[in-house]
N, C-alpha and C. Protein backbone atom coordinates (compact mmCIF):
# COMPACT_ATOMS: atom_id res chain seq x y z
N UNK A 1 -7.37 -14.43 2.24
CA UNK A 1 -6.87 -14.64 0.90
C UNK A 1 -5.45 -15.19 0.99
N UNK A 2 -5.17 -16.18 0.22
CA UNK A 2 -3.84 -16.75 0.14
C UNK A 2 -2.86 -15.69 -0.38
N UNK A 3 -1.67 -15.58 0.19
CA UNK A 3 -0.71 -14.57 -0.26
C UNK A 3 -0.40 -14.67 -1.76
N UNK A 4 -0.39 -15.87 -2.30
CA UNK A 4 -0.12 -16.04 -3.73
C UNK A 4 -1.26 -15.49 -4.57
N UNK A 5 -2.48 -15.62 -4.07
CA UNK A 5 -3.63 -15.06 -4.79
C UNK A 5 -3.57 -13.54 -4.80
N UNK A 6 -3.13 -12.98 -3.68
CA UNK A 6 -3.00 -11.52 -3.60
C UNK A 6 -1.97 -11.03 -4.61
N UNK A 7 -0.84 -11.73 -4.71
CA UNK A 7 0.20 -11.36 -5.67
C UNK A 7 -0.33 -11.44 -7.10
N UNK A 8 -1.09 -12.49 -7.39
CA UNK A 8 -1.68 -12.62 -8.72
C UNK A 8 -2.66 -11.48 -9.01
N UNK A 9 -3.46 -11.11 -8.03
CA UNK A 9 -4.40 -10.02 -8.20
C UNK A 9 -3.68 -8.71 -8.50
N UNK A 10 -2.65 -8.42 -7.74
CA UNK A 10 -1.90 -7.17 -7.94
C UNK A 10 -1.20 -7.18 -9.30
N UNK A 11 -0.59 -8.30 -9.66
CA UNK A 11 0.09 -8.40 -10.95
C UNK A 11 -0.89 -8.27 -12.11
N UNK A 12 -2.03 -8.92 -12.00
CA UNK A 12 -3.04 -8.81 -13.05
C UNK A 12 -3.55 -7.39 -13.20
N UNK A 13 -3.75 -6.72 -12.07
CA UNK A 13 -4.19 -5.33 -12.11
C UNK A 13 -3.14 -4.44 -12.77
N UNK A 14 -1.89 -4.64 -12.40
CA UNK A 14 -0.80 -3.86 -12.99
C UNK A 14 -0.72 -4.08 -14.50
N UNK A 15 -0.85 -5.32 -14.93
CA UNK A 15 -0.81 -5.61 -16.37
C UNK A 15 -1.98 -4.98 -17.11
N UNK A 16 -3.16 -5.01 -16.51
CA UNK A 16 -4.33 -4.40 -17.14
C UNK A 16 -4.16 -2.88 -17.25
N UNK A 17 -3.64 -2.27 -16.20
CA UNK A 17 -3.41 -0.83 -16.23
C UNK A 17 -2.34 -0.47 -17.27
N UNK A 18 -1.31 -1.30 -17.37
CA UNK A 18 -0.24 -1.08 -18.35
C UNK A 18 -0.79 -1.09 -19.77
N UNK A 19 -1.73 -1.98 -20.01
CA UNK A 19 -2.32 -2.09 -21.34
C UNK A 19 -3.29 -0.96 -21.66
N UNK A 20 -3.81 -0.28 -20.64
CA UNK A 20 -4.88 0.68 -20.91
C UNK A 20 -4.53 2.14 -20.62
N UNK A 21 -3.37 2.42 -20.03
CA UNK A 21 -3.03 3.80 -19.69
C UNK A 21 -1.77 4.25 -20.43
N UNK A 22 -1.70 5.53 -20.77
CA UNK A 22 -0.46 6.06 -21.34
C UNK A 22 0.66 6.07 -20.28
N UNK A 23 1.88 6.10 -20.75
CA UNK A 23 3.04 6.04 -19.85
C UNK A 23 3.02 7.13 -18.79
N UNK A 24 2.64 8.35 -19.19
CA UNK A 24 2.62 9.46 -18.23
C UNK A 24 1.62 9.19 -17.11
N UNK A 25 0.46 8.64 -17.46
CA UNK A 25 -0.55 8.32 -16.45
C UNK A 25 -0.09 7.18 -15.54
N UNK A 26 0.60 6.21 -16.12
CA UNK A 26 1.13 5.10 -15.31
C UNK A 26 2.11 5.63 -14.27
N UNK A 27 2.96 6.55 -14.67
CA UNK A 27 3.95 7.11 -13.74
C UNK A 27 3.27 7.86 -12.60
N UNK A 28 2.25 8.65 -12.93
CA UNK A 28 1.52 9.39 -11.89
C UNK A 28 0.80 8.41 -10.96
N UNK A 29 0.13 7.43 -11.54
CA UNK A 29 -0.58 6.44 -10.72
C UNK A 29 0.38 5.69 -9.81
N UNK A 30 1.54 5.32 -10.32
CA UNK A 30 2.53 4.63 -9.48
C UNK A 30 2.96 5.51 -8.32
N UNK A 31 3.17 6.79 -8.57
CA UNK A 31 3.57 7.71 -7.50
C UNK A 31 2.46 7.86 -6.47
N UNK A 32 1.22 7.95 -6.94
CA UNK A 32 0.08 8.09 -6.02
C UNK A 32 -0.06 6.84 -5.16
N UNK A 33 0.05 5.66 -5.76
CA UNK A 33 -0.09 4.42 -5.00
C UNK A 33 1.06 4.23 -4.02
N UNK A 34 2.25 4.67 -4.40
CA UNK A 34 3.39 4.62 -3.47
C UNK A 34 3.12 5.52 -2.26
N UNK A 35 2.64 6.73 -2.54
CA UNK A 35 2.32 7.65 -1.43
C UNK A 35 1.22 7.07 -0.56
N UNK A 36 0.21 6.46 -1.17
CA UNK A 36 -0.87 5.84 -0.41
C UNK A 36 -0.32 4.75 0.51
N UNK A 37 0.54 3.89 -0.03
CA UNK A 37 1.12 2.82 0.78
C UNK A 37 1.96 3.36 1.93
N UNK A 38 2.75 4.38 1.64
CA UNK A 38 3.57 4.99 2.70
C UNK A 38 2.71 5.63 3.78
N UNK A 39 1.65 6.30 3.37
CA UNK A 39 0.76 6.94 4.34
C UNK A 39 0.05 5.90 5.20
N UNK A 40 -0.44 4.84 4.58
CA UNK A 40 -1.08 3.77 5.36
C UNK A 40 -0.11 3.13 6.34
N UNK A 41 1.13 2.93 5.92
CA UNK A 41 2.13 2.35 6.82
C UNK A 41 2.42 3.28 7.99
N UNK A 42 2.49 4.58 7.72
CA UNK A 42 2.71 5.56 8.79
C UNK A 42 1.56 5.57 9.77
N UNK A 43 0.34 5.58 9.25
CA UNK A 43 -0.84 5.58 10.13
C UNK A 43 -0.89 4.32 10.99
N UNK A 44 -0.62 3.16 10.38
CA UNK A 44 -0.66 1.90 11.13
C UNK A 44 0.42 1.87 12.21
N UNK A 45 1.62 2.35 11.87
CA UNK A 45 2.71 2.36 12.85
C UNK A 45 2.39 3.29 14.02
N UNK A 46 1.85 4.46 13.72
CA UNK A 46 1.51 5.41 14.79
C UNK A 46 0.38 4.86 15.65
N UNK A 47 -0.61 4.24 15.02
CA UNK A 47 -1.72 3.66 15.79
C UNK A 47 -1.21 2.57 16.72
N UNK A 48 -0.34 1.71 16.21
CA UNK A 48 0.24 0.63 17.03
C UNK A 48 1.04 1.21 18.18
N UNK A 49 1.80 2.26 17.89
CA UNK A 49 2.61 2.90 18.94
C UNK A 49 1.72 3.49 20.03
N UNK A 50 0.67 4.19 19.62
CA UNK A 50 -0.22 4.80 20.60
C UNK A 50 -0.98 3.76 21.40
N UNK A 51 -1.43 2.70 20.76
CA UNK A 51 -2.14 1.64 21.47
C UNK A 51 -1.21 0.93 22.45
N UNK A 52 0.06 0.78 22.09
CA UNK A 52 1.04 0.18 22.99
C UNK A 52 1.28 1.05 24.21
N UNK A 53 1.30 2.36 24.00
CA UNK A 53 1.47 3.31 25.11
C UNK A 53 0.29 3.25 26.06
N UNK A 54 -0.93 3.13 25.49
CA UNK A 54 -2.12 3.06 26.32
C UNK A 54 -2.14 1.77 27.17
N UNK A 55 -1.52 0.72 26.68
CA UNK A 55 -1.47 -0.55 27.41
C UNK A 55 -0.27 -0.61 28.36
N UNK A 56 0.50 0.49 28.41
CA UNK A 56 1.65 0.51 29.29
C UNK A 56 2.86 -0.18 28.73
N UNK A 57 2.96 -0.30 27.42
CA UNK A 57 4.09 -0.97 26.78
C UNK A 57 5.14 0.01 26.30
N UNK A 58 5.15 1.20 26.85
CA UNK A 58 6.08 2.21 26.41
C UNK A 58 7.51 1.79 26.74
N UNK A 59 8.41 2.09 25.83
CA UNK A 59 9.83 1.73 26.02
C UNK A 59 10.62 2.92 26.48
């Protein structure tokens, strides 16, 4: 997917959610999605670190 298409998809989704959810629900959803992104980043970083160690790339 082209990066610009991804941005459009995310923006369109955000606008649709804004139109259909109360403010309190938007705030909770934003917090949940932030936590999800942070958790995925942590998992990916740890996996990369462990795979690098297995290949002998330890620093």
